[in-house]
Amino acid sequence: MIQTVTGLWLEVGLGSGRFATSLGISEGVDPSSGMLAIAARRNVHAVRGIGEDLPYQDAAFDGVLMVTTLCFLIDPERTLTECARVLRRSGTLVVGIVPAESSWGRLYRAKAHEGHPLYSRAKFYSCGQVVRICADAGFVFDSAISCLHTPPGAELIPSILEEGIDESAGFVAIRFQRDMTRHSTETMGRK
């Protein structure tokens, strides 16, 4: 059983709304009108926009979810700063990634090198890089969970633990809290 979130959450990089719907997230933003139409049919309030300039008021959400979105962003730092801006003081950010050096990350990077239309536009990060980018945007690492250790036919590589996160996992969800010593006044009042 999938546990739903509590409070008002936003999914940045909503896509078709599959994750939002499964987790009980009612609001999402994405640049693709085609994906937004699918998400709207799933009863997610879908807004067209980009992560680098979120069309929401300051402190509007209890949580922000980004699932395999970070690797496709033009400006990840700006997007994460925007996420901090739209989060309430005690807000939570959950970032789901495919780590660059995991078996899945290596598989997707190989597909990118072959010209795959989706993966050739992606920039895969290590979990440690994500933790550092999020820290720079005003978030504090809380916890992580990992799964999907190897794609079919892949060799198993040893785990590389950085920030206590299993870098060999094919998918890692990293949870952050807003850094209460930052962003109290510097981001407020922008929207």
N, C-alpha and C. Protein backbone atom coordinates (compact mmCIF):
# COMPACT_ATOMS: atom_id res chain seq x y z
N MET A 1 0.84 -1.18 0.00
CA MET A 1 0.00 0.00 0.00
C MET A 1 0.88 1.24 0.00
N ILE A 2 0.55 2.20 -0.81
CA ILE A 2 1.29 3.45 -0.90
C ILE A 2 0.71 4.44 0.10
N GLN A 3 1.59 5.02 0.91
CA GLN A 3 1.14 6.02 1.87
C GLN A 3 1.02 7.36 1.17
N THR A 4 -0.08 8.05 1.40
CA THR A 4 -0.25 9.37 0.79
C THR A 4 0.37 10.43 1.68
N VAL A 5 0.61 11.59 1.09
CA VAL A 5 1.22 12.70 1.82
C VAL A 5 0.15 13.42 2.64
N THR A 6 0.60 14.20 3.62
CA THR A 6 -0.33 15.01 4.39
C THR A 6 -0.03 16.47 4.12
N GLY A 7 -1.07 17.29 4.15
CA GLY A 7 -0.91 18.70 3.84
C GLY A 7 -1.02 18.94 2.35
N LEU A 8 -0.74 20.16 1.94
CA LEU A 8 -0.83 20.55 0.54
C LEU A 8 0.55 20.41 -0.12
N TRP A 9 0.63 19.53 -1.13
CA TRP A 9 1.89 19.26 -1.82
C TRP A 9 1.78 19.67 -3.28
N LEU A 10 2.95 19.95 -3.85
CA LEU A 10 3.10 20.30 -5.26
C LEU A 10 4.08 19.33 -5.89
N GLU A 11 3.75 18.81 -7.08
CA GLU A 11 4.74 18.04 -7.82
C GLU A 11 5.29 18.91 -8.94
N VAL A 12 6.60 19.13 -8.92
CA VAL A 12 7.30 19.88 -9.97
C VAL A 12 7.81 18.85 -10.97
N GLY A 13 7.42 19.03 -12.24
CA GLY A 13 7.70 18.00 -13.24
C GLY A 13 6.60 16.95 -13.18
N LEU A 14 5.37 17.42 -13.15
CA LEU A 14 4.19 16.59 -12.94
C LEU A 14 4.04 15.48 -13.98
N GLY A 15 4.39 15.77 -15.22
CA GLY A 15 4.19 14.78 -16.27
C GLY A 15 2.73 14.37 -16.35
N SER A 16 2.46 13.08 -16.41
CA SER A 16 1.10 12.57 -16.56
C SER A 16 0.32 12.56 -15.25
N GLY A 17 0.97 12.89 -14.15
CA GLY A 17 0.30 12.91 -12.85
C GLY A 17 0.24 11.56 -12.16
N ARG A 18 0.94 10.58 -12.69
CA ARG A 18 0.89 9.23 -12.11
C ARG A 18 1.36 9.21 -10.66
N PHE A 19 2.50 9.85 -10.38
CA PHE A 19 3.01 9.85 -9.00
C PHE A 19 2.12 10.69 -8.11
N ALA A 20 1.72 11.87 -8.57
CA ALA A 20 0.86 12.75 -7.77
C ALA A 20 -0.42 12.02 -7.37
N THR A 21 -1.05 11.37 -8.32
CA THR A 21 -2.29 10.66 -8.05
C THR A 21 -2.08 9.56 -7.02
N SER A 22 -1.02 8.79 -7.18
CA SER A 22 -0.75 7.68 -6.26
C SER A 22 -0.45 8.15 -4.85
N LEU A 23 0.13 9.34 -4.72
CA LEU A 23 0.54 9.84 -3.41
C LEU A 23 -0.45 10.82 -2.79
N GLY A 24 -1.52 11.15 -3.49
CA GLY A 24 -2.51 12.07 -2.96
C GLY A 24 -2.10 13.53 -3.10
N ILE A 25 -1.26 13.83 -4.10
CA ILE A 25 -0.85 15.21 -4.37
C ILE A 25 -1.83 15.79 -5.37
N SER A 26 -2.39 16.94 -5.02
CA SER A 26 -3.48 17.49 -5.85
C SER A 26 -3.04 18.62 -6.77
N GLU A 27 -1.78 19.06 -6.71
CA GLU A 27 -1.32 20.21 -7.48
C GLU A 27 -0.01 19.85 -8.18
N GLY A 28 0.14 20.30 -9.44
CA GLY A 28 1.38 20.02 -10.16
C GLY A 28 1.66 21.02 -11.25
N VAL A 29 2.92 21.13 -11.60
CA VAL A 29 3.36 22.05 -12.65
C VAL A 29 4.26 21.29 -13.62
N ASP A 30 4.11 21.59 -14.91
CA ASP A 30 4.89 20.93 -15.94
C ASP A 30 4.85 21.82 -17.19
N PRO A 31 5.92 21.80 -18.01
CA PRO A 31 5.89 22.61 -19.23
C PRO A 31 5.12 21.99 -20.39
N SER A 32 4.78 20.71 -20.32
CA SER A 32 4.14 20.02 -21.43
C SER A 32 2.62 20.05 -21.33
N SER A 33 1.96 20.73 -22.27
CA SER A 33 0.49 20.78 -22.23
C SER A 33 -0.12 19.40 -22.45
N GLY A 34 0.53 18.56 -23.25
CA GLY A 34 0.02 17.21 -23.46
C GLY A 34 0.00 16.39 -22.18
N MET A 35 1.08 16.47 -21.41
CA MET A 35 1.14 15.76 -20.13
C MET A 35 0.15 16.34 -19.13
N LEU A 36 0.01 17.67 -19.15
CA LEU A 36 -0.91 18.32 -18.22
C LEU A 36 -2.35 17.88 -18.47
N ALA A 37 -2.70 17.66 -19.72
CA ALA A 37 -4.05 17.20 -20.05
C ALA A 37 -4.31 15.82 -19.44
N ILE A 38 -3.29 14.95 -19.50
CA ILE A 38 -3.43 13.62 -18.90
C ILE A 38 -3.55 13.74 -17.39
N ALA A 39 -2.71 14.59 -16.78
CA ALA A 39 -2.75 14.78 -15.32
C ALA A 39 -4.11 15.33 -14.88
N ALA A 40 -4.66 16.25 -15.65
CA ALA A 40 -5.96 16.83 -15.31
C ALA A 40 -7.05 15.76 -15.31
N ARG A 41 -6.96 14.80 -16.25
CA ARG A 41 -7.92 13.69 -16.28
C ARG A 41 -7.78 12.81 -15.05
N ARG A 42 -6.62 12.88 -14.40
CA ARG A 42 -6.39 12.14 -13.15
C ARG A 42 -6.73 12.98 -11.92
N ASN A 43 -7.44 14.06 -12.13
CA ASN A 43 -7.89 14.95 -11.06
C ASN A 43 -6.76 15.65 -10.31
N VAL A 44 -5.69 15.96 -11.02
CA VAL A 44 -4.62 16.78 -10.46
C VAL A 44 -4.77 18.17 -11.07
N HIS A 45 -4.75 19.19 -10.23
CA HIS A 45 -4.81 20.57 -10.74
C HIS A 45 -3.47 20.84 -11.40
N ALA A 46 -3.47 20.82 -12.71
CA ALA A 46 -2.24 20.88 -13.51
C ALA A 46 -2.06 22.29 -14.08
N VAL A 47 -0.90 22.88 -13.79
CA VAL A 47 -0.58 24.23 -14.23
C VAL A 47 0.64 24.17 -15.16
N ARG A 48 0.55 24.89 -16.27
CA ARG A 48 1.69 24.94 -17.18
C ARG A 48 2.73 25.93 -16.65
N GLY A 49 3.95 25.47 -16.56
CA GLY A 49 5.02 26.32 -16.05
C GLY A 49 6.32 25.54 -15.96
N ILE A 50 7.34 26.22 -15.50
CA ILE A 50 8.66 25.59 -15.36
C ILE A 50 9.13 25.73 -13.91
N GLY A 51 9.97 24.82 -13.51
CA GLY A 51 10.49 24.83 -12.14
C GLY A 51 11.31 26.05 -11.81
N GLU A 52 11.94 26.62 -12.81
CA GLU A 52 12.80 27.78 -12.57
C GLU A 52 12.00 29.05 -12.25
N ASP A 53 10.70 29.03 -12.49
CA ASP A 53 9.84 30.18 -12.21
C ASP A 53 8.46 29.66 -11.84
N LEU A 54 8.33 29.11 -10.65
CA LEU A 54 7.08 28.48 -10.23
C LEU A 54 5.97 29.52 -10.09
N PRO A 55 4.81 29.25 -10.69
CA PRO A 55 3.70 30.21 -10.67
C PRO A 55 2.84 30.12 -9.42
N TYR A 56 3.49 30.19 -8.25
CA TYR A 56 2.79 30.08 -6.98
C TYR A 56 3.30 31.12 -6.00
N GLN A 57 2.46 31.43 -5.02
CA GLN A 57 2.81 32.38 -3.97
C GLN A 57 3.87 31.79 -3.04
N ASP A 58 4.56 32.65 -2.33
CA ASP A 58 5.49 32.22 -1.29
C ASP A 58 4.76 31.38 -0.25
N ALA A 59 5.45 30.39 0.29
CA ALA A 59 4.97 29.58 1.42
C ALA A 59 3.59 28.99 1.18
N ALA A 60 3.32 28.53 -0.02
CA ALA A 60 2.00 28.00 -0.38
C ALA A 60 1.84 26.51 -0.08
N PHE A 61 2.95 25.76 0.07
CA PHE A 61 2.87 24.30 0.15
C PHE A 61 3.59 23.74 1.36
N ASP A 62 3.08 22.59 1.81
CA ASP A 62 3.73 21.83 2.90
C ASP A 62 4.85 20.97 2.36
N GLY A 63 4.75 20.59 1.09
CA GLY A 63 5.76 19.73 0.51
C GLY A 63 5.86 19.89 -1.00
N VAL A 64 7.04 19.56 -1.52
CA VAL A 64 7.28 19.56 -2.97
C VAL A 64 7.91 18.22 -3.33
N LEU A 65 7.41 17.62 -4.38
CA LEU A 65 7.93 16.36 -4.90
C LEU A 65 8.50 16.58 -6.30
N MET A 66 9.67 16.03 -6.55
CA MET A 66 10.26 16.01 -7.91
C MET A 66 10.76 14.59 -8.16
N VAL A 67 10.14 13.89 -9.10
CA VAL A 67 10.54 12.52 -9.42
C VAL A 67 11.17 12.51 -10.80
N THR A 68 12.41 12.15 -10.88
CA THR A 68 13.21 12.12 -12.12
C THR A 68 13.03 13.39 -12.94
N THR A 69 12.99 14.51 -12.26
CA THR A 69 12.84 15.82 -12.89
C THR A 69 14.16 16.56 -12.91
N LEU A 70 14.92 16.44 -11.84
CA LEU A 70 16.16 17.19 -11.68
C LEU A 70 17.09 17.02 -12.88
N CYS A 71 17.16 15.82 -13.43
CA CYS A 71 18.09 15.54 -14.53
C CYS A 71 17.69 16.24 -15.83
N PHE A 72 16.46 16.74 -15.92
CA PHE A 72 15.99 17.40 -17.14
C PHE A 72 15.89 18.92 -17.01
N LEU A 73 16.24 19.45 -15.87
CA LEU A 73 16.10 20.89 -15.64
C LEU A 73 17.21 21.68 -16.32
N ILE A 74 16.87 22.85 -16.82
CA ILE A 74 17.86 23.76 -17.39
C ILE A 74 18.71 24.36 -16.29
N ASP A 75 18.08 24.74 -15.18
CA ASP A 75 18.77 25.37 -14.06
C ASP A 75 18.31 24.74 -12.74
N PRO A 76 18.92 23.61 -12.34
CA PRO A 76 18.50 22.93 -11.12
C PRO A 76 18.58 23.80 -9.88
N GLU A 77 19.62 24.61 -9.78
CA GLU A 77 19.79 25.46 -8.60
C GLU A 77 18.63 26.45 -8.47
N ARG A 78 18.29 27.07 -9.57
CA ARG A 78 17.18 28.04 -9.55
C ARG A 78 15.86 27.34 -9.20
N THR A 79 15.64 26.16 -9.76
CA THR A 79 14.42 25.42 -9.48
C THR A 79 14.32 25.07 -8.00
N LEU A 80 15.42 24.62 -7.41
CA LEU A 80 15.39 24.26 -5.99
C LEU A 80 15.20 25.49 -5.11
N THR A 81 15.75 26.63 -5.53
CA THR A 81 15.51 27.87 -4.80
C THR A 81 14.03 28.25 -4.87
N GLU A 82 13.43 28.03 -6.03
CA GLU A 82 11.99 28.27 -6.19
C GLU A 82 11.19 27.31 -5.31
N CYS A 83 11.62 26.07 -5.23
CA CYS A 83 10.94 25.10 -4.36
C CYS A 83 10.99 25.58 -2.90
N ALA A 84 12.14 26.08 -2.47
CA ALA A 84 12.26 26.60 -1.11
C ALA A 84 11.32 27.79 -0.91
N ARG A 85 11.20 28.61 -1.92
CA ARG A 85 10.34 29.79 -1.82
C ARG A 85 8.87 29.42 -1.63
N VAL A 86 8.39 28.40 -2.37
CA VAL A 86 6.97 28.06 -2.30
C VAL A 86 6.63 27.15 -1.12
N LEU A 87 7.66 26.68 -0.41
CA LEU A 87 7.43 25.83 0.75
C LEU A 87 7.18 26.66 2.00
N ARG A 88 6.33 26.13 2.86
CA ARG A 88 6.12 26.75 4.17
C ARG A 88 7.39 26.54 5.00
N ARG A 89 7.46 27.23 6.08
CA ARG A 89 8.66 27.24 6.93
C ARG A 89 9.15 25.85 7.30
N SER A 90 8.25 24.95 7.61
CA SER A 90 8.65 23.60 7.99
C SER A 90 8.47 22.61 6.83
N GLY A 91 8.55 23.12 5.60
CA GLY A 91 8.27 22.32 4.41
C GLY A 91 9.25 21.20 4.15
N THR A 92 8.78 20.23 3.38
CA THR A 92 9.55 19.05 3.00
C THR A 92 9.72 19.00 1.49
N LEU A 93 10.91 18.64 1.06
CA LEU A 93 11.22 18.42 -0.35
C LEU A 93 11.63 16.97 -0.51
N VAL A 94 11.04 16.27 -1.47
CA VAL A 94 11.44 14.91 -1.80
C VAL A 94 11.88 14.91 -3.26
N VAL A 95 13.13 14.49 -3.48
CA VAL A 95 13.70 14.45 -4.82
C VAL A 95 14.01 13.00 -5.16
N GLY A 96 13.40 12.50 -6.23
CA GLY A 96 13.67 11.13 -6.69
C GLY A 96 14.59 11.18 -7.89
N ILE A 97 15.69 10.43 -7.83
CA ILE A 97 16.66 10.45 -8.93
C ILE A 97 17.10 9.03 -9.30
N VAL A 98 17.67 8.92 -10.50
CA VAL A 98 18.43 7.75 -10.92
C VAL A 98 19.89 8.17 -10.78
N PRO A 99 20.62 7.64 -9.76
CA PRO A 99 22.01 8.07 -9.57
C PRO A 99 22.89 7.79 -10.79
N ALA A 100 23.76 8.72 -11.09
CA ALA A 100 24.60 8.66 -12.30
C ALA A 100 25.41 7.38 -12.39
N GLU A 101 25.98 6.93 -11.31
CA GLU A 101 26.87 5.77 -11.36
C GLU A 101 26.21 4.45 -10.99
N SER A 102 24.89 4.45 -10.83
CA SER A 102 24.19 3.19 -10.59
C SER A 102 24.13 2.41 -11.91
N SER A 103 23.76 1.15 -11.83
CA SER A 103 23.61 0.36 -13.05
C SER A 103 22.58 0.99 -13.99
N TRP A 104 21.48 1.48 -13.42
CA TRP A 104 20.46 2.13 -14.24
C TRP A 104 20.99 3.43 -14.83
N GLY A 105 21.71 4.21 -14.02
CA GLY A 105 22.29 5.47 -14.52
C GLY A 105 23.24 5.22 -15.67
N ARG A 106 24.08 4.18 -15.54
CA ARG A 106 25.02 3.86 -16.62
C ARG A 106 24.26 3.40 -17.87
N LEU A 107 23.19 2.63 -17.68
CA LEU A 107 22.38 2.18 -18.81
C LEU A 107 21.76 3.38 -19.53
N TYR A 108 21.17 4.30 -18.79
CA TYR A 108 20.53 5.47 -19.40
C TYR A 108 21.55 6.40 -20.05
N ARG A 109 22.73 6.52 -19.44
CA ARG A 109 23.77 7.36 -20.06
C ARG A 109 24.27 6.73 -21.36
N ALA A 110 24.33 5.40 -21.41
CA ALA A 110 24.71 4.72 -22.66
C ALA A 110 23.65 4.96 -23.74
N LYS A 111 22.38 4.89 -23.35
CA LYS A 111 21.31 5.19 -24.30
C LYS A 111 21.41 6.63 -24.79
N ALA A 112 21.76 7.55 -23.90
CA ALA A 112 21.93 8.96 -24.28
C ALA A 112 23.04 9.10 -25.30
N HIS A 113 24.13 8.40 -25.07
CA HIS A 113 25.27 8.45 -25.99
C HIS A 113 24.88 7.92 -27.38
N GLU A 114 23.91 6.98 -27.41
CA GLU A 114 23.42 6.43 -28.68
C GLU A 114 22.36 7.33 -29.33
N GLY A 115 22.03 8.45 -28.69
CA GLY A 115 21.08 9.40 -29.26
C GLY A 115 19.63 9.23 -28.85
N HIS A 116 19.38 8.50 -27.77
CA HIS A 116 18.01 8.32 -27.30
C HIS A 116 17.33 9.68 -27.13
N PRO A 117 16.12 9.85 -27.66
CA PRO A 117 15.48 11.18 -27.66
C PRO A 117 15.21 11.74 -26.26
N LEU A 118 14.98 10.92 -25.29
CA LEU A 118 14.72 11.40 -23.93
C LEU A 118 16.02 11.51 -23.12
N TYR A 119 16.77 10.42 -23.04
CA TYR A 119 17.94 10.39 -22.16
C TYR A 119 19.09 11.26 -22.67
N SER A 120 19.10 11.58 -23.95
CA SER A 120 20.17 12.44 -24.46
C SER A 120 20.02 13.87 -23.94
N ARG A 121 18.86 14.21 -23.39
CA ARG A 121 18.65 15.54 -22.82
C ARG A 121 18.86 15.56 -21.30
N ALA A 122 19.18 14.42 -20.72
CA ALA A 122 19.29 14.31 -19.26
C ALA A 122 20.72 14.49 -18.78
N LYS A 123 20.85 15.05 -17.59
CA LYS A 123 22.13 15.13 -16.89
C LYS A 123 21.93 14.40 -15.56
N PHE A 124 22.57 13.25 -15.44
CA PHE A 124 22.40 12.44 -14.25
C PHE A 124 23.39 12.89 -13.18
N TYR A 125 22.93 12.91 -11.93
CA TYR A 125 23.72 13.36 -10.79
C TYR A 125 23.95 12.22 -9.81
N SER A 126 25.02 12.33 -9.03
CA SER A 126 25.19 11.42 -7.90
C SER A 126 24.30 11.91 -6.77
N CYS A 127 24.03 11.05 -5.81
CA CYS A 127 23.23 11.46 -4.66
C CYS A 127 23.94 12.58 -3.89
N GLY A 128 25.25 12.47 -3.79
CA GLY A 128 26.01 13.51 -3.10
C GLY A 128 25.88 14.86 -3.79
N GLN A 129 25.88 14.87 -5.13
CA GLN A 129 25.69 16.12 -5.86
C GLN A 129 24.31 16.71 -5.58
N VAL A 130 23.30 15.86 -5.52
CA VAL A 130 21.94 16.33 -5.24
C VAL A 130 21.87 16.92 -3.84
N VAL A 131 22.49 16.25 -2.88
CA VAL A 131 22.49 16.77 -1.51
C VAL A 131 23.16 18.13 -1.46
N ARG A 132 24.28 18.30 -2.18
CA ARG A 132 24.99 19.59 -2.19
C ARG A 132 24.17 20.68 -2.89
N ILE A 133 23.56 20.36 -4.04
CA ILE A 133 22.74 21.34 -4.75
C ILE A 133 21.56 21.77 -3.87
N CYS A 134 20.94 20.82 -3.22
CA CYS A 134 19.80 21.13 -2.35
C CYS A 134 20.26 21.95 -1.13
N ALA A 135 21.40 21.64 -0.58
CA ALA A 135 21.93 22.42 0.55
C ALA A 135 22.17 23.87 0.13
N ASP A 136 22.72 24.05 -1.07
CA ASP A 136 22.95 25.41 -1.57
C ASP A 136 21.65 26.19 -1.75
N ALA A 137 20.55 25.48 -1.98
CA ALA A 137 19.25 26.12 -2.18
C ALA A 137 18.49 26.30 -0.87
N GLY A 138 19.08 25.86 0.23
CA GLY A 138 18.44 26.08 1.52
C GLY A 138 17.74 24.88 2.11
N PHE A 139 18.21 23.68 1.80
CA PHE A 139 17.61 22.46 2.34
C PHE A 139 18.64 21.68 3.15
N VAL A 140 18.14 20.93 4.13
CA VAL A 140 18.96 20.08 4.97
C VAL A 140 18.56 18.63 4.70
N PHE A 141 19.56 17.79 4.44
CA PHE A 141 19.31 16.36 4.23
C PHE A 141 18.61 15.76 5.44
N ASP A 142 17.57 14.96 5.18
CA ASP A 142 16.82 14.30 6.25
C ASP A 142 17.04 12.79 6.19
N SER A 143 16.66 12.18 5.07
CA SER A 143 16.75 10.73 4.95
C SER A 143 16.66 10.34 3.48
N ALA A 144 16.90 9.06 3.21
CA ALA A 144 16.81 8.57 1.83
C ALA A 144 16.37 7.11 1.85
N ILE A 145 15.76 6.72 0.75
CA ILE A 145 15.37 5.32 0.56
C ILE A 145 15.73 4.95 -0.88
N SER A 146 16.16 3.71 -1.08
CA SER A 146 16.60 3.31 -2.42
C SER A 146 15.98 1.98 -2.81
N CYS A 147 15.89 1.76 -4.13
CA CYS A 147 15.36 0.52 -4.67
C CYS A 147 15.85 0.33 -6.11
N LEU A 148 15.42 -0.72 -6.77
CA LEU A 148 15.76 -1.03 -8.17
C LEU A 148 17.27 -1.11 -8.39
N HIS A 149 17.91 -2.03 -7.72
CA HIS A 149 19.36 -2.04 -7.73
C HIS A 149 20.01 -2.36 -9.07
N THR A 150 19.44 -3.23 -9.86
CA THR A 150 20.08 -3.50 -11.15
C THR A 150 19.06 -3.69 -12.25
N PRO A 151 19.34 -3.14 -13.43
CA PRO A 151 18.45 -3.42 -14.57
C PRO A 151 18.70 -4.84 -15.06
N PRO A 152 17.81 -5.38 -15.85
CA PRO A 152 18.01 -6.73 -16.37
C PRO A 152 19.35 -6.87 -17.09
N GLY A 153 20.10 -7.92 -16.75
CA GLY A 153 21.36 -8.21 -17.42
C GLY A 153 22.54 -7.36 -16.98
N ALA A 154 22.37 -6.49 -16.01
CA ALA A 154 23.46 -5.61 -15.57
C ALA A 154 24.32 -6.30 -14.53
N GLU A 155 25.59 -5.92 -14.50
CA GLU A 155 26.47 -6.43 -13.46
C GLU A 155 26.19 -5.66 -12.17
N LEU A 156 26.30 -6.34 -11.05
CA LEU A 156 26.10 -5.69 -9.76
C LEU A 156 27.37 -4.97 -9.38
N ILE A 157 27.27 -3.68 -9.08
CA ILE A 157 28.45 -2.93 -8.66
C ILE A 157 28.38 -2.70 -7.16
N PRO A 158 29.53 -2.57 -6.52
CA PRO A 158 29.50 -2.35 -5.08
C PRO A 158 28.86 -1.01 -4.74
N SER A 159 28.24 -0.95 -3.58
CA SER A 159 27.61 0.28 -3.13
C SER A 159 28.65 1.34 -2.83
N ILE A 160 28.34 2.56 -3.18
CA ILE A 160 29.16 3.71 -2.84
C ILE A 160 28.29 4.55 -1.93
N LEU A 161 28.63 4.62 -0.67
CA LEU A 161 27.80 5.37 0.26
C LEU A 161 28.33 6.78 0.40
N GLU A 162 27.48 7.73 0.06
CA GLU A 162 27.79 9.14 0.22
C GLU A 162 26.59 9.75 0.93
N GLU A 163 26.82 10.43 2.02
CA GLU A 163 25.74 10.98 2.85
C GLU A 163 24.84 9.85 3.35
N GLY A 164 25.38 8.62 3.48
CA GLY A 164 24.58 7.51 3.96
C GLY A 164 23.58 6.99 2.95
N ILE A 165 23.76 7.31 1.67
CA ILE A 165 22.82 6.91 0.62
C ILE A 165 23.48 5.87 -0.27
N ASP A 166 22.74 4.85 -0.63
CA ASP A 166 23.26 3.79 -1.49
C ASP A 166 23.28 4.26 -2.93
N GLU A 167 24.46 4.66 -3.42
CA GLU A 167 24.62 5.17 -4.78
C GLU A 167 24.45 4.10 -5.85
N SER A 168 24.45 2.83 -5.46
CA SER A 168 24.31 1.77 -6.47
C SER A 168 22.85 1.52 -6.82
N ALA A 169 21.94 2.04 -6.04
CA ALA A 169 20.52 1.81 -6.29
C ALA A 169 20.09 2.49 -7.57
N GLY A 170 19.17 1.89 -8.28
CA GLY A 170 18.69 2.45 -9.53
C GLY A 170 17.77 3.64 -9.34
N PHE A 171 17.15 3.73 -8.19
CA PHE A 171 16.28 4.87 -7.88
C PHE A 171 16.46 5.20 -6.41
N VAL A 172 16.64 6.49 -6.13
CA VAL A 172 16.79 6.95 -4.75
C VAL A 172 15.86 8.13 -4.53
N ALA A 173 15.09 8.07 -3.47
CA ALA A 173 14.26 9.20 -3.05
C ALA A 173 14.94 9.83 -1.84
N ILE A 174 15.26 11.11 -1.95
CA ILE A 174 15.98 11.80 -0.88
C ILE A 174 15.04 12.86 -0.29
N ARG A 175 14.92 12.83 1.01
CA ARG A 175 14.02 13.76 1.71
C ARG A 175 14.85 14.86 2.36
N PHE A 176 14.38 16.10 2.19
CA PHE A 176 15.04 17.27 2.76
C PHE A 176 14.02 18.08 3.55
N GLN A 177 14.51 18.85 4.48
CA GLN A 177 13.71 19.84 5.19
C GLN A 177 14.28 21.21 4.87
N ARG A 178 13.45 22.22 4.94
CA ARG A 178 13.96 23.59 4.76
C ARG A 178 14.95 23.89 5.86
N ASP A 179 16.03 24.55 5.50
CA ASP A 179 17.02 25.00 6.47
C ASP A 179 16.41 26.20 7.18
N MET A 180 16.08 26.03 8.43
CA MET A 180 15.37 27.08 9.17
C MET A 180 16.26 28.29 9.44
N THR A 181 17.55 28.16 9.22
CA THR A 181 18.44 29.31 9.42
C THR A 181 18.57 30.15 8.16
N ARG A 182 18.01 29.68 7.06
CA ARG A 182 18.06 30.39 5.77
C ARG A 182 16.68 30.63 5.24
N HIS A 183 16.58 31.47 4.28
CA HIS A 183 15.34 31.72 3.52
C HIS A 183 14.21 32.28 4.36
N SER A 184 14.47 32.70 5.58
CA SER A 184 13.37 33.24 6.37
C SER A 184 12.86 34.55 5.77
N THR A 185 13.76 35.37 5.28
CA THR A 185 13.33 36.62 4.69
C THR A 185 13.87 36.82 3.27
N GLU A 186 14.93 36.12 2.92
CA GLU A 186 15.57 36.40 1.62
C GLU A 186 14.74 36.02 0.42
N THR A 187 13.83 35.02 0.55
CA THR A 187 13.02 34.63 -0.61
C THR A 187 11.58 35.10 -0.51
N MET A 188 11.19 35.58 0.64
CA MET A 188 9.80 35.98 0.82
C MET A 188 9.50 37.25 0.02
N GLY A 189 8.27 37.34 -0.43
CA GLY A 189 7.83 38.54 -1.13
C GLY A 189 8.12 38.61 -2.60
N ARG A 190 8.59 37.51 -3.22
CA ARG A 190 8.90 37.53 -4.65
C ARG A 190 7.67 37.45 -5.52
N LYS A 191 6.70 36.66 -5.16
CA LYS A 191 5.50 36.47 -6.00
C LYS A 191 4.32 37.19 -5.41
